[in-house]
Amino acid sequence: AQTILDDTTAAAVRTTIDAPQNGIRTIVADDTSRTLALTDVGKTLEMTNASARVYTIPANASVAFTVGTEINVVRMGSGSLTITADTGVTLNGASAGSCTIDAQYKGASLRKTATNTWGIVGSHSVVS
């Protein structure tokens, strides 16, 4: 017998499958600005561009990450990398806050701590 999953259940299954296994994370080379997605859970996003890029943390209403979700970001390219929280999202205590990864070959880890609240630790500017 086949079981048909609704979109929410299917997304949860994909998130579980994509989670890091035995502490090993998938590395995704990325040279575009992007809004984080469920497919990024447990991965390391490596920004590889020489131009400035922005990674946006979406509101829970748009992308319902599970509390505890972790996504790593690394600035491999020479262009600046800004991490910004969408409207209604708090990053390190700043509503719609943003910061930049300090320099090329530096990175940070994003962790969802509540419905629309994320923390960032690592090599980044002050969140404001």
PDB file of N, CA and C in Angstrom:
ATOM      1  N   ALA A   1       0.840  -1.184   0.000  1.00  0.00           N
ATOM      2  CA  ALA A   1       0.000   0.000   0.000  1.00  0.00           C
ATOM      3  C   ALA A   1       0.877   1.237   0.000  1.00  0.00           C
ATOM      4  N   GLN A   2       0.455   2.263  -0.689  1.00  0.00           N
ATOM      5  CA  GLN A   2       1.181   3.526  -0.734  1.00  0.00           C
ATOM      6  C   GLN A   2       0.608   4.492   0.279  1.00  0.00           C
ATOM      7  N   THR A   3       1.504   5.300   0.849  1.00  0.00           N
ATOM      8  CA  THR A   3       1.083   6.357   1.752  1.00  0.00           C
ATOM      9  C   THR A   3       1.392   7.676   1.082  1.00  0.00           C
ATOM     10  N   ILE A   4       0.414   8.539   1.008  1.00  0.00           N
ATOM     11  CA  ILE A   4       0.605   9.863   0.412  1.00  0.00           C
ATOM     12  C   ILE A   4       0.780  10.858   1.549  1.00  0.00           C
ATOM     13  N   LEU A   5       1.883  11.616   1.484  1.00  0.00           N
ATOM     14  CA  LEU A   5       2.204  12.582   2.528  1.00  0.00           C
ATOM     15  C   LEU A   5       1.766  13.979   2.123  1.00  0.00           C
ATOM     16  N   ASP A   6       1.254  14.739   3.097  1.00  0.00           N
ATOM     17  CA  ASP A   6       0.981  16.141   2.807  1.00  0.00           C
ATOM     18  C   ASP A   6       2.310  16.893   2.767  1.00  0.00           C
ATOM     19  N   ASP A   7       2.291  18.140   2.306  1.00  0.00           N
ATOM     20  CA  ASP A   7       3.525  18.915   2.132  1.00  0.00           C
ATOM     21  C   ASP A   7       4.298  19.089   3.433  1.00  0.00           C
ATOM     22  N   THR A   8       3.605  19.320   4.544  1.00  0.00           N
ATOM     23  CA  THR A   8       4.275  19.534   5.825  1.00  0.00           C
ATOM     24  C   THR A   8       4.993  18.266   6.277  1.00  0.00           C
ATOM     25  N   THR A   9       4.327  17.123   6.174  1.00  0.00           N
ATOM     26  CA  THR A   9       4.940  15.857   6.566  1.00  0.00           C
ATOM     27  C   THR A   9       6.108  15.519   5.652  1.00  0.00           C
ATOM     28  N   ALA A  10       5.936  15.744   4.366  1.00  0.00           N
ATOM     29  CA  ALA A  10       7.009  15.475   3.415  1.00  0.00           C
ATOM     30  C   ALA A  10       8.238  16.333   3.720  1.00  0.00           C
ATOM     31  N   ALA A  11       8.015  17.607   4.068  1.00  0.00           N
ATOM     32  CA  ALA A  11       9.125  18.496   4.408  1.00  0.00           C
ATOM     33  C   ALA A  11       9.843  18.004   5.662  1.00  0.00           C
ATOM     34  N   ALA A  12       9.091  17.547   6.653  1.00  0.00           N
ATOM     35  CA  ALA A  12       9.692  17.032   7.885  1.00  0.00           C
ATOM     36  C   ALA A  12      10.531  15.787   7.609  1.00  0.00           C
ATOM     37  N   VAL A  13      10.055  14.932   6.732  1.00  0.00           N
ATOM     38  CA  VAL A  13      10.801  13.727   6.368  1.00  0.00           C
ATOM     39  C   VAL A  13      12.093  14.115   5.654  1.00  0.00           C
ATOM     40  N   ARG A  14      12.007  15.074   4.714  1.00  0.00           N
ATOM     41  CA  ARG A  14      13.214  15.529   4.013  1.00  0.00           C
ATOM     42  C   ARG A  14      14.211  16.130   4.986  1.00  0.00           C
ATOM     43  N   THR A  15      13.735  16.905   5.965  1.00  0.00           N
ATOM     44  CA  THR A  15      14.610  17.509   6.959  1.00  0.00           C
ATOM     45  C   THR A  15      15.336  16.429   7.743  1.00  0.00           C
ATOM     46  N   THR A  16      14.635  15.385   8.133  1.00  0.00           N
ATOM     47  CA  THR A  16      15.252  14.288   8.869  1.00  0.00           C
ATOM     48  C   THR A  16      16.284  13.568   8.011  1.00  0.00           C
ATOM     49  N   ILE A  17      15.957  13.325   6.773  1.00  0.00           N
ATOM     50  CA  ILE A  17      16.884  12.638   5.868  1.00  0.00           C
ATOM     51  C   ILE A  17      18.123  13.496   5.623  1.00  0.00           C
ATOM     52  N   ASP A  18      17.949  14.816   5.486  1.00  0.00           N
ATOM     53  CA  ASP A  18      19.061  15.707   5.194  1.00  0.00           C
ATOM     54  C   ASP A  18      19.897  16.058   6.415  1.00  0.00           C
ATOM     55  N   ALA A  19      19.451  15.704   7.619  1.00  0.00           N
ATOM     56  CA  ALA A  19      20.190  16.038   8.839  1.00  0.00           C
ATOM     57  C   ALA A  19      21.568  15.377   8.792  1.00  0.00           C
ATOM     58  N   PRO A  20      22.545  16.010   9.431  1.00  0.00           N
ATOM     59  CA  PRO A  20      23.891  15.433   9.396  1.00  0.00           C
ATOM     60  C   PRO A  20      23.921  14.048  10.036  1.00  0.00           C
ATOM     61  N   GLN A  21      24.612  13.140   9.421  1.00  0.00           N
ATOM     62  CA  GLN A  21      24.738  11.782   9.935  1.00  0.00           C
ATOM     63  C   GLN A  21      26.117  11.627  10.567  1.00  0.00           C
ATOM     64  N   ASN A  22      26.168  11.136  11.785  1.00  0.00           N
ATOM     65  CA  ASN A  22      27.435  10.926  12.484  1.00  0.00           C
ATOM     66  C   ASN A  22      28.269  12.196  12.533  1.00  0.00           C
ATOM     67  N   GLY A  23      27.614  13.351  12.640  1.00  0.00           N
ATOM     68  CA  GLY A  23      28.323  14.616  12.749  1.00  0.00           C
ATOM     69  C   GLY A  23      28.887  15.147  11.438  1.00  0.00           C
ATOM     70  N   ILE A  24      28.640  14.456  10.342  1.00  0.00           N
ATOM     71  CA  ILE A  24      29.178  14.888   9.048  1.00  0.00           C
ATOM     72  C   ILE A  24      28.129  15.748   8.352  1.00  0.00           C
ATOM     73  N   ARG A  25      28.532  16.952   7.950  1.00  0.00           N
ATOM     74  CA  ARG A  25      27.619  17.871   7.272  1.00  0.00           C
ATOM     75  C   ARG A  25      27.918  17.900   5.779  1.00  0.00           C
ATOM     76  N   THR A  26      26.860  18.044   4.996  1.00  0.00           N
ATOM     77  CA  THR A  26      27.008  18.226   3.563  1.00  0.00           C
ATOM     78  C   THR A  26      27.443  19.661   3.308  1.00  0.00           C
ATOM     79  N   ILE A  27      28.416  19.854   2.432  1.00  0.00           N
ATOM     80  CA  ILE A  27      28.874  21.192   2.069  1.00  0.00           C
ATOM     81  C   ILE A  27      28.229  21.578   0.747  1.00  0.00           C
ATOM     82  N   VAL A  28      27.627  22.764   0.729  1.00  0.00           N
ATOM     83  CA  VAL A  28      26.947  23.252  -0.463  1.00  0.00           C
ATOM     84  C   VAL A  28      27.653  24.527  -0.922  1.00  0.00           C
ATOM     85  N   ALA A  29      28.313  24.474  -2.074  1.00  0.00           N
ATOM     86  CA  ALA A  29      28.924  25.679  -2.645  1.00  0.00           C
ATOM     87  C   ALA A  29      27.808  26.525  -3.234  1.00  0.00           C
ATOM     88  N   ASP A  30      27.813  27.811  -2.895  1.00  0.00           N
ATOM     89  CA  ASP A  30      26.709  28.682  -3.280  1.00  0.00           C
ATOM     90  C   ASP A  30      27.261  30.057  -3.625  1.00  0.00           C
ATOM     91  N   ASP A  31      26.913  30.574  -4.786  1.00  0.00           N
ATOM     92  CA  ASP A  31      27.439  31.894  -5.155  1.00  0.00           C
ATOM     93  C   ASP A  31      26.339  32.929  -5.357  1.00  0.00           C
ATOM     94  N   THR A  32      25.148  32.674  -4.786  1.00  0.00           N
ATOM     95  CA  THR A  32      24.034  33.604  -4.942  1.00  0.00           C
ATOM     96  C   THR A  32      23.530  34.079  -3.585  1.00  0.00           C
ATOM     97  N   SER A  33      22.790  35.174  -3.578  1.00  0.00           N
ATOM     98  CA  SER A  33      22.041  35.555  -2.383  1.00  0.00           C
ATOM     99  C   SER A  33      20.884  34.577  -2.281  1.00  0.00           C
ATOM    100  N   ARG A  34      20.440  34.289  -1.051  1.00  0.00           N
ATOM    101  CA  ARG A  34      19.401  33.279  -0.902  1.00  0.00           C
ATOM    102  C   ARG A  34      18.626  33.478   0.386  1.00  0.00           C
ATOM    103  N   THR A  35      17.426  32.926   0.407  1.00  0.00           N
ATOM    104  CA  THR A  35      16.645  32.794   1.631  1.00  0.00           C
ATOM    105  C   THR A  35      16.828  31.356   2.082  1.00  0.00           C
ATOM    106  N   LEU A  36      17.153  31.167   3.363  1.00  0.00           N
ATOM    107  CA  LEU A  36      17.373  29.827   3.867  1.00  0.00           C
ATOM    108  C   LEU A  36      16.120  28.978   3.679  1.00  0.00           C
ATOM    109  N   ALA A  37      16.329  27.690   3.411  1.00  0.00           N
ATOM    110  CA  ALA A  37      15.230  26.761   3.124  1.00  0.00           C
ATOM    111  C   ALA A  37      15.393  25.485   3.943  1.00  0.00           C
ATOM    112  N   LEU A  38      14.334  24.713   4.044  1.00  0.00           N
ATOM    113  CA  LEU A  38      14.393  23.455   4.792  1.00  0.00           C
ATOM    114  C   LEU A  38      15.485  22.532   4.259  1.00  0.00           C
ATOM    115  N   THR A  39      15.789  22.620   2.989  1.00  0.00           N
ATOM    116  CA  THR A  39      16.833  21.773   2.403  1.00  0.00           C
ATOM    117  C   THR A  39      18.228  22.156   2.895  1.00  0.00           C
ATOM    118  N   ASP A  40      18.367  23.290   3.595  1.00  0.00           N
ATOM    119  CA  ASP A  40      19.667  23.726   4.126  1.00  0.00           C
ATOM    120  C   ASP A  40      19.956  23.171   5.521  1.00  0.00           C
ATOM    121  N   VAL A  41      18.967  22.550   6.156  1.00  0.00           N
ATOM    122  CA  VAL A  41      19.111  22.067   7.530  1.00  0.00           C
ATOM    123  C   VAL A  41      20.282  21.092   7.625  1.00  0.00           C
ATOM    124  N   GLY A  42      21.147  21.327   8.616  1.00  0.00           N
ATOM    125  CA  GLY A  42      22.269  20.434   8.866  1.00  0.00           C
ATOM    126  C   GLY A  42      23.390  20.536   7.859  1.00  0.00           C
ATOM    127  N   LYS A  43      23.360  21.543   7.017  1.00  0.00           N
ATOM    128  CA  LYS A  43      24.383  21.686   5.983  1.00  0.00           C
ATOM    129  C   LYS A  43      25.304  22.868   6.277  1.00  0.00           C
ATOM    130  N   THR A  44      26.400  22.918   5.556  1.00  0.00           N
ATOM    131  CA  THR A  44      27.299  24.062   5.584  1.00  0.00           C
ATOM    132  C   THR A  44      27.201  24.738   4.225  1.00  0.00           C
ATOM    133  N   LEU A  45      26.755  25.996   4.224  1.00  0.00           N
ATOM    134  CA  LEU A  45      26.642  26.771   2.987  1.00  0.00           C
ATOM    135  C   LEU A  45      27.920  27.568   2.816  1.00  0.00           C
ATOM    136  N   GLU A  46      28.632  27.333   1.731  1.00  0.00           N
ATOM    137  CA  GLU A  46      29.874  28.051   1.453  1.00  0.00           C
ATOM    138  C   GLU A  46      29.626  29.063   0.346  1.00  0.00           C
ATOM    139  N   MET A  47      29.634  30.363   0.706  1.00  0.00           N
ATOM    140  CA  MET A  47      29.463  31.431  -0.274  1.00  0.00           C
ATOM    141  C   MET A  47      30.782  31.593  -1.010  1.00  0.00           C
ATOM    142  N   THR A  48      30.749  31.412  -2.334  1.00  0.00           N
ATOM    143  CA  THR A  48      31.972  31.339  -3.123  1.00  0.00           C
ATOM    144  C   THR A  48      32.172  32.520  -4.077  1.00  0.00           C
ATOM    145  N   ASN A  49      31.375  33.563  -3.962  1.00  0.00           N
ATOM    146  CA  ASN A  49      31.402  34.642  -4.940  1.00  0.00           C
ATOM    147  C   ASN A  49      32.347  35.773  -4.545  1.00  0.00           C
ATOM    148  N   ALA A  50      32.822  36.512  -5.542  1.00  0.00           N
ATOM    149  CA  ALA A  50      33.647  37.696  -5.299  1.00  0.00           C
ATOM    150  C   ALA A  50      32.789  38.938  -5.071  1.00  0.00           C
ATOM    151  N   SER A  51      31.498  38.838  -5.324  1.00  0.00           N
ATOM    152  CA  SER A  51      30.568  39.951  -5.104  1.00  0.00           C
ATOM    153  C   SER A  51      29.818  39.752  -3.790  1.00  0.00           C
ATOM    154  N   ALA A  52      29.290  40.855  -3.257  1.00  0.00           N
ATOM    155  CA  ALA A  52      28.543  40.808  -1.996  1.00  0.00           C
ATOM    156  C   ALA A  52      27.287  39.948  -2.143  1.00  0.00           C
ATOM    157  N   ARG A  53      26.983  39.175  -1.115  1.00  0.00           N
ATOM    158  CA  ARG A  53      25.807  38.319  -1.095  1.00  0.00           C
ATOM    159  C   ARG A  53      25.106  38.442   0.253  1.00  0.00           C
ATOM    160  N   VAL A  54      23.792  38.104   0.276  1.00  0.00           N
ATOM    161  CA  VAL A  54      22.978  38.166   1.491  1.00  0.00           C
ATOM    162  C   VAL A  54      22.268  36.833   1.676  1.00  0.00           C
ATOM    163  N   TYR A  55      22.349  36.265   2.878  1.00  0.00           N
ATOM    164  CA  TYR A  55      21.573  35.094   3.260  1.00  0.00           C
ATOM    165  C   TYR A  55      20.503  35.588   4.222  1.00  0.00           C
ATOM    166  N   THR A  56      19.244  35.331   3.900  1.00  0.00           N
ATOM    167  CA  THR A  56      18.126  35.807   4.709  1.00  0.00           C
ATOM    168  C   THR A  56      17.521  34.659   5.510  1.00  0.00           C
ATOM    169  N   ILE A  57      17.305  34.923   6.805  1.00  0.00           N
ATOM    170  CA  ILE A  57      16.608  33.970   7.669  1.00  0.00           C
ATOM    171  C   ILE A  57      15.124  34.304   7.566  1.00  0.00           C
ATOM    172  N   PRO A  58      14.303  33.398   7.019  1.00  0.00           N
ATOM    173  CA  PRO A  58      12.889  33.713   6.799  1.00  0.00           C
ATOM    174  C   PRO A  58      12.055  33.612   8.076  1.00  0.00           C
ATOM    175  N   ALA A  59      10.920  34.263   8.062  1.00  0.00           N
ATOM    176  CA  ALA A  59       9.962  34.144   9.164  1.00  0.00           C
ATOM    177  C   ALA A  59       9.424  32.719   9.205  1.00  0.00           C
ATOM    178  N   ASN A  60       9.054  32.275  10.389  1.00  0.00           N
ATOM    179  CA  ASN A  60       8.527  30.925  10.576  1.00  0.00           C
ATOM    180  C   ASN A  60       7.292  30.676   9.709  1.00  0.00           C
ATOM    181  N   ALA A  61       6.493  31.703   9.464  1.00  0.00           N
ATOM    182  CA  ALA A  61       5.299  31.549   8.625  1.00  0.00           C
ATOM    183  C   ALA A  61       5.661  31.177   7.189  1.00  0.00           C
ATOM    184  N   SER A  62       6.862  31.563   6.747  1.00  0.00           N
ATOM    185  CA  SER A  62       7.317  31.250   5.389  1.00  0.00           C
ATOM    186  C   SER A  62       8.014  29.902   5.310  1.00  0.00           C
ATOM    187  N   VAL A  63       8.924  29.661   6.262  1.00  0.00           N
ATOM    188  CA  VAL A  63       9.674  28.408   6.314  1.00  0.00           C
ATOM    189  C   VAL A  63       9.711  27.969   7.773  1.00  0.00           C
ATOM    190  N   ALA A  64       9.034  26.877   8.087  1.00  0.00           N
ATOM    191  CA  ALA A  64       8.889  26.433   9.477  1.00  0.00           C
ATOM    192  C   ALA A  64      10.016  25.484   9.881  1.00  0.00           C
ATOM    193  N   PHE A  65      11.197  26.062  10.117  1.00  0.00           N
ATOM    194  CA  PHE A  65      12.307  25.265  10.633  1.00  0.00           C
ATOM    195  C   PHE A  65      11.942  24.771  12.032  1.00  0.00           C
ATOM    196  N   THR A  66      12.398  23.601  12.390  1.00  0.00           N
ATOM    197  CA  THR A  66      12.216  23.061  13.728  1.00  0.00           C
ATOM    198  C   THR A  66      13.140  23.810  14.686  1.00  0.00           C
ATOM    199  N   VAL A  67      12.653  24.112  15.900  1.00  0.00           N
ATOM    200  CA  VAL A  67      13.520  24.714  16.920  1.00  0.00           C
ATOM    201  C   VAL A  67      14.681  23.750  17.148  1.00  0.00           C
ATOM    202  N   GLY A  68      15.890  24.287  17.162  1.00  0.00           N
ATOM    203  CA  GLY A  68      17.098  23.471  17.289  1.00  0.00           C
ATOM    204  C   GLY A  68      17.823  23.289  15.965  1.00  0.00           C
ATOM    205  N   THR A  69      17.194  23.703  14.870  1.00  0.00           N
ATOM    206  CA  THR A  69      17.830  23.620  13.553  1.00  0.00           C
ATOM    207  C   THR A  69      19.153  24.374  13.565  1.00  0.00           C
ATOM    208  N   GLU A  70      20.175  23.790  12.936  1.00  0.00           N
ATOM    209  CA  GLU A  70      21.470  24.455  12.787  1.00  0.00           C
ATOM    210  C   GLU A  70      21.875  24.471  11.326  1.00  0.00           C
ATOM    211  N   ILE A  71      22.367  25.624  10.902  1.00  0.00           N
ATOM    212  CA  ILE A  71      22.892  25.797   9.544  1.00  0.00           C
ATOM    213  C   ILE A  71      24.200  26.559   9.674  1.00  0.00           C
ATOM    214  N   ASN A  72      25.258  26.030   9.091  1.00  0.00           N
ATOM    215  CA  ASN A  72      26.541  26.716   9.106  1.00  0.00           C
ATOM    216  C   ASN A  72      26.718  27.513   7.826  1.00  0.00           C
ATOM    217  N   VAL A  73      27.384  28.656   7.944  1.00  0.00           N
ATOM    218  CA  VAL A  73      27.689  29.484   6.775  1.00  0.00           C
ATOM    219  C   VAL A  73      29.175  29.836   6.805  1.00  0.00           C
ATOM    220  N   VAL A  74      29.803  29.800   5.633  1.00  0.00           N
ATOM    221  CA  VAL A  74      31.219  30.118   5.515  1.00  0.00           C
ATOM    222  C   VAL A  74      31.405  31.034   4.314  1.00  0.00           C
ATOM    223  N   ARG A  75      32.210  32.061   4.510  1.00  0.00           N
ATOM    224  CA  ARG A  75      32.523  32.996   3.418  1.00  0.00           C
ATOM    225  C   ARG A  75      33.823  32.544   2.753  1.00  0.00           C
ATOM    226  N   MET A  76      33.705  31.748   1.704  1.00  0.00           N
ATOM    227  CA  MET A  76      34.878  31.262   0.970  1.00  0.00           C
ATOM    228  C   MET A  76      35.301  32.244  -0.117  1.00  0.00           C
ATOM    229  N   GLY A  77      34.346  32.997  -0.673  1.00  0.00           N
ATOM    230  CA  GLY A  77      34.657  33.976  -1.708  1.00  0.00           C
ATOM    231  C   GLY A  77      35.146  35.278  -1.098  1.00  0.00           C
ATOM    232  N   SER A  78      35.655  36.150  -1.921  1.00  0.00           N
ATOM    233  CA  SER A  78      36.173  37.432  -1.427  1.00  0.00           C
ATOM    234  C   SER A  78      35.080  38.475  -1.215  1.00  0.00           C
ATOM    235  N   GLY A  79      33.888  38.226  -1.738  1.00  0.00           N
ATOM    236  CA  GLY A  79      32.775  39.154  -1.541  1.00  0.00           C
ATOM    237  C   GLY A  79      32.233  39.087  -0.127  1.00  0.00           C
ATOM    238  N   SER A  80      31.640  40.182   0.344  1.00  0.00           N
ATOM    239  CA  SER A  80      31.087  40.190   1.702  1.00  0.00           C
ATOM    240  C   SER A  80      29.854  39.287   1.771  1.00  0.00           C
ATOM    241  N   LEU A  81      29.615  38.744   2.963  1.00  0.00           N
ATOM    242  CA  LEU A  81      28.451  37.898   3.193  1.00  0.00           C
ATOM    243  C   LEU A  81      27.690  38.448   4.390  1.00  0.00           C
ATOM    244  N   THR A  82      26.459  38.901   4.139  1.00  0.00           N
ATOM    245  CA  THR A  82      25.597  39.437   5.188  1.00  0.00           C
ATOM    246  C   THR A  82      24.545  38.397   5.537  1.00  0.00           C
ATOM    247  N   ILE A  83      24.332  38.211   6.827  1.00  0.00           N
ATOM    248  CA  ILE A  83      23.255  37.362   7.326  1.00  0.00           C
ATOM    249  C   ILE A  83      22.206  38.319   7.868  1.00  0.00           C
ATOM    250  N   THR A  84      20.984  38.225   7.371  1.00  0.00           N
ATOM    251  CA  THR A  84      19.940  39.150   7.811  1.00  0.00           C
ATOM    252  C   THR A  84      18.668  38.391   8.188  1.00  0.00           C
ATOM    253  N   ALA A  85      18.035  38.840   9.238  1.00  0.00           N
ATOM    254  CA  ALA A  85      16.765  38.250   9.674  1.00  0.00           C
ATOM    255  C   ALA A  85      15.624  38.998   9.009  1.00  0.00           C
ATOM    256  N   ASP A  86      14.685  38.251   8.472  1.00  0.00           N
ATOM    257  CA  ASP A  86      13.512  38.834   7.820  1.00  0.00           C
ATOM    258  C   ASP A  86      12.660  39.588   8.851  1.00  0.00           C
ATOM    259  N   THR A  87      11.730  40.388   8.375  1.00  0.00           N
ATOM    260  CA  THR A  87      10.807  41.102   9.255  1.00  0.00           C
ATOM    261  C   THR A  87      10.121  40.117  10.187  1.00  0.00           C
ATOM    262  N   GLY A  88      10.114  40.433  11.483  1.00  0.00           N
ATOM    263  CA  GLY A  88       9.482  39.573  12.473  1.00  0.00           C
ATOM    264  C   GLY A  88      10.394  38.514  13.051  1.00  0.00           C
ATOM    265  N   VAL A  89      11.619  38.431  12.552  1.00  0.00           N
ATOM    266  CA  VAL A  89      12.587  37.447  13.035  1.00  0.00           C
ATOM    267  C   VAL A  89      13.653  38.171  13.852  1.00  0.00           C
ATOM    268  N   THR A  90      13.997  37.592  14.994  1.00  0.00           N
ATOM    269  CA  THR A  90      15.024  38.165  15.866  1.00  0.00           C
ATOM    270  C   THR A  90      16.312  37.371  15.712  1.00  0.00           C
ATOM    271  N   LEU A  91      17.417  38.085  15.532  1.00  0.00           N
ATOM    272  CA  LEU A  91      18.742  37.472  15.436  1.00  0.00           C
ATOM    273  C   LEU A  91      19.601  38.038  16.555  1.00  0.00           C
ATOM    274  N   ASN A  92      20.041  37.189  17.473  1.00  0.00           N
ATOM    275  CA  ASN A  92      20.844  37.607  18.632  1.00  0.00           C
ATOM    276  C   ASN A  92      20.232  38.802  19.349  1.00  0.00           C
ATOM    277  N   GLY A  93      18.918  38.776  19.510  1.00  0.00           N
ATOM    278  CA  GLY A  93      18.236  39.818  20.266  1.00  0.00           C
ATOM    279  C   GLY A  93      17.865  41.058  19.471  1.00  0.00           C
ATOM    280  N   ALA A  94      18.234  41.129  18.199  1.00  0.00           N
ATOM    281  CA  ALA A  94      17.911  42.301  17.374  1.00  0.00           C
ATOM    282  C   ALA A  94      16.807  41.933  16.385  1.00  0.00           C
ATOM    283  N   SER A  95      15.655  42.612  16.482  1.00  0.00           N
ATOM    284  CA  SER A  95      14.557  42.361  15.566  1.00  0.00           C
ATOM    285  C   SER A  95      14.979  42.747  14.154  1.00  0.00           C
ATOM    286  N   ALA A  96      14.801  41.822  13.225  1.00  0.00           N
ATOM    287  CA  ALA A  96      15.233  42.015  11.832  1.00  0.00           C
ATOM    288  C   ALA A  96      16.706  42.396  11.780  1.00  0.00           C
ATOM    289  N   GLY A  97      17.486  41.831  12.698  1.00  0.00           N
ATOM    290  CA  GLY A  97      18.914  42.148  12.797  1.00  0.00           C
ATOM    291  C   GLY A  97      19.721  41.572  11.650  1.00  0.00           C
ATOM    292  N   SER A  98      20.926  42.113  11.500  1.00  0.00           N
ATOM    293  CA  SER A  98      21.830  41.580  10.480  1.00  0.00           C
ATOM    294  C   SER A  98      23.272  41.750  10.937  1.00  0.00           C
ATOM    295  N   CYS A  99      24.136  40.976  10.319  1.00  0.00           N
ATOM    296  CA  CYS A  99      25.569  41.061  10.592  1.00  0.00           C
ATOM    297  C   CYS A  99      26.304  40.563   9.359  1.00  0.00           C
ATOM    298  N   THR A 100      27.593  40.754   9.336  1.00  0.00           N
ATOM    299  CA  THR A 100      28.403  40.242   8.230  1.00  0.00           C
ATOM    300  C   THR A 100      29.432  39.258   8.773  1.00  0.00           C
ATOM    301  N   ILE A 101      29.758  38.279   7.953  1.00  0.00           N
ATOM    302  CA  ILE A 101      30.839  37.361   8.300  1.00  0.00           C
ATOM    303  C   ILE A 101      32.133  38.164   8.156  1.00  0.00           C
ATOM    304  N   ASP A 102      32.997  38.068   9.165  1.00  0.00           N
ATOM    305  CA  ASP A 102      34.156  38.962   9.301  1.00  0.00           C
ATOM    306  C   ASP A 102      35.087  39.034   8.099  1.00  0.00           C
ATOM    307  N   ALA A 103      35.425  37.910   7.507  1.00  0.00           N
ATOM    308  CA  ALA A 103      36.422  37.927   6.432  1.00  0.00           C
ATOM    309  C   ALA A 103      36.339  36.636   5.630  1.00  0.00           C
ATOM    310  N   GLN A 104      37.027  36.627   4.507  1.00  0.00           N
ATOM    311  CA  GLN A 104      37.103  35.418   3.698  1.00  0.00           C
ATOM    312  C   GLN A 104      37.692  34.284   4.543  1.00  0.00           C
ATOM    313  N   TYR A 105      37.157  33.091   4.358  1.00  0.00           N
ATOM    314  CA  TYR A 105      37.546  31.873   5.077  1.00  0.00           C
ATOM    315  C   TYR A 105      37.108  31.870   6.541  1.00  0.00           C
ATOM    316  N   LYS A 106      36.181  32.744   6.893  1.00  0.00           N
ATOM    317  CA  LYS A 106      35.591  32.767   8.237  1.00  0.00           C
ATOM    318  C   LYS A 106      34.146  32.305   8.115  1.00  0.00           C
ATOM    319  N   GLY A 107      33.563  31.911   9.243  1.00  0.00           N
ATOM    320  CA  GLY A 107      32.198  31.414   9.190  1.00  0.00           C
ATOM    321  C   GLY A 107      31.475  31.540  10.514  1.00  0.00           C
ATOM    322  N   ALA A 108      30.239  31.062  10.533  1.00  0.00           N
ATOM    323  CA  ALA A 108      29.405  31.138  11.725  1.00  0.00           C
ATOM    324  C   ALA A 108      28.353  30.030  11.654  1.00  0.00           C
ATOM    325  N   SER A 109      27.728  29.789  12.794  1.00  0.00           N
ATOM    326  CA  SER A 109      26.668  28.799  12.890  1.00  0.00           C
ATOM    327  C   SER A 109      25.381  29.486  13.318  1.00  0.00           C
ATOM    328  N   LEU A 110      24.314  29.219  12.595  1.00  0.00           N
ATOM    329  CA  LEU A 110      22.984  29.747  12.918  1.00  0.00           C
ATOM    330  C   LEU A 110      22.192  28.652  13.616  1.00  0.00           C
ATOM    331  N   ARG A 111      21.484  29.020  14.679  1.00  0.00           N
ATOM    332  CA  ARG A 111      20.671  28.032  15.409  1.00  0.00           C
ATOM    333  C   ARG A 111      19.334  28.655  15.765  1.00  0.00           C
ATOM    334  N   LYS A 112      18.255  27.945  15.410  1.00  0.00           N
ATOM    335  CA  LYS A 112      16.909  28.416  15.743  1.00  0.00           C
ATOM    336  C   LYS A 112      16.615  28.048  17.192  1.00  0.00           C
ATOM    337  N   THR A 113      16.279  29.054  18.016  1.00  0.00           N
ATOM    338  CA  THR A 113      16.060  28.828  19.444  1.00  0.00           C
ATOM    339  C   THR A 113      14.600  28.962  19.864  1.00  0.00           C
ATOM    340  N   ALA A 114      13.768  29.564  19.036  1.00  0.00           N
ATOM    341  CA  ALA A 114      12.332  29.699  19.288  1.00  0.00           C
ATOM    342  C   ALA A 114      11.664  29.970  17.943  1.00  0.00           C
ATOM    343  N   THR A 115      10.352  30.121  17.930  1.00  0.00           N
ATOM    344  CA  THR A 115       9.599  30.213  16.678  1.00  0.00           C
ATOM    345  C   THR A 115      10.196  31.195  15.677  1.00  0.00           C
ATOM    346  N   ASN A 116      10.455  32.417  16.048  1.00  0.00           N
ATOM    347  CA  ASN A 116      11.048  33.407  15.145  1.00  0.00           C
ATOM    348  C   ASN A 116      12.313  34.001  15.748  1.00  0.00           C
ATOM    349  N   THR A 117      13.090  33.155  16.434  1.00  0.00           N
ATOM    350  CA  THR A 117      14.300  33.612  17.109  1.00  0.00           C
ATOM    351  C   THR A 117      15.469  32.711  16.738  1.00  0.00           C
ATOM    352  N   TRP A 118      16.545  33.357  16.297  1.00  0.00           N
ATOM    353  CA  TRP A 118      17.758  32.641  15.895  1.00  0.00           C
ATOM    354  C   TRP A 118      18.953  33.254  16.622  1.00  0.00           C
ATOM    355  N   GLY A 119      19.969  32.430  16.818  1.00  0.00           N
ATOM    356  CA  GLY A 119      21.236  32.909  17.343  1.00  0.00           C
ATOM    357  C   GLY A 119      22.316  32.643  16.323  1.00  0.00           C
ATOM    358  N   ILE A 120      23.357  33.447  16.355  1.00  0.00           N
ATOM    359  CA  ILE A 120      24.507  33.221  15.489  1.00  0.00           C
ATOM    360  C   ILE A 120      25.761  33.300  16.332  1.00  0.00           C
ATOM    361  N   VAL A 121      26.658  32.354  16.189  1.00  0.00           N
ATOM    362  CA  VAL A 121      27.936  32.361  16.872  1.00  0.00           C
ATOM    363  C   VAL A 121      29.019  32.099  15.842  1.00  0.00           C
ATOM    364  N   GLY A 122      30.157  32.709  16.068  1.00  0.00           N
ATOM    365  CA  GLY A 122      31.268  32.516  15.151  1.00  0.00           C
ATOM    366  C   GLY A 122      31.952  33.825  14.840  1.00  0.00           C
ATOM    367  N   SER A 123      32.499  33.909  13.659  1.00  0.00           N
ATOM    368  CA  SER A 123      33.283  35.071  13.252  1.00  0.00           C
ATOM    369  C   SER A 123      32.397  36.040  12.467  1.00  0.00           C
ATOM    370  N   HIS A 124      31.725  36.948  13.207  1.00  0.00           N
ATOM    371  CA  HIS A 124      30.799  37.889  12.563  1.00  0.00           C
ATOM    372  C   HIS A 124      30.821  39.229  13.274  1.00  0.00           C
ATOM    373  N   SER A 125      30.314  40.235  12.591  1.00  0.00           N
ATOM    374  CA  SER A 125      30.192  41.575  13.180  1.00  0.00           C
ATOM    375  C   SER A 125      29.084  41.586  14.227  1.00  0.00           C
ATOM    376  N   VAL A 126      28.970  42.674  14.952  1.00  0.00           N
ATOM    377  CA  VAL A 126      27.892  42.837  15.920  1.00  0.00           C
ATOM    378  C   VAL A 126      26.562  42.837  15.193  1.00  0.00           C
ATOM    379  N   VAL A 127      25.593  42.121  15.721  1.00  0.00           N
ATOM    380  CA  VAL A 127      24.258  42.084  15.124  1.00  0.00           C
ATOM    381  C   VAL A 127      23.517  43.361  15.519  1.00  0.00           C
ATOM    382  N   SER A 128      22.999  44.059  14.522  1.00  0.00           N
ATOM    383  CA  SER A 128      22.256  45.290  14.809  1.00  0.00           C
ATOM    384  C   SER A 128      21.060  45.398  13.883  1.00  0.00           C
TER     385      SER A 128
END
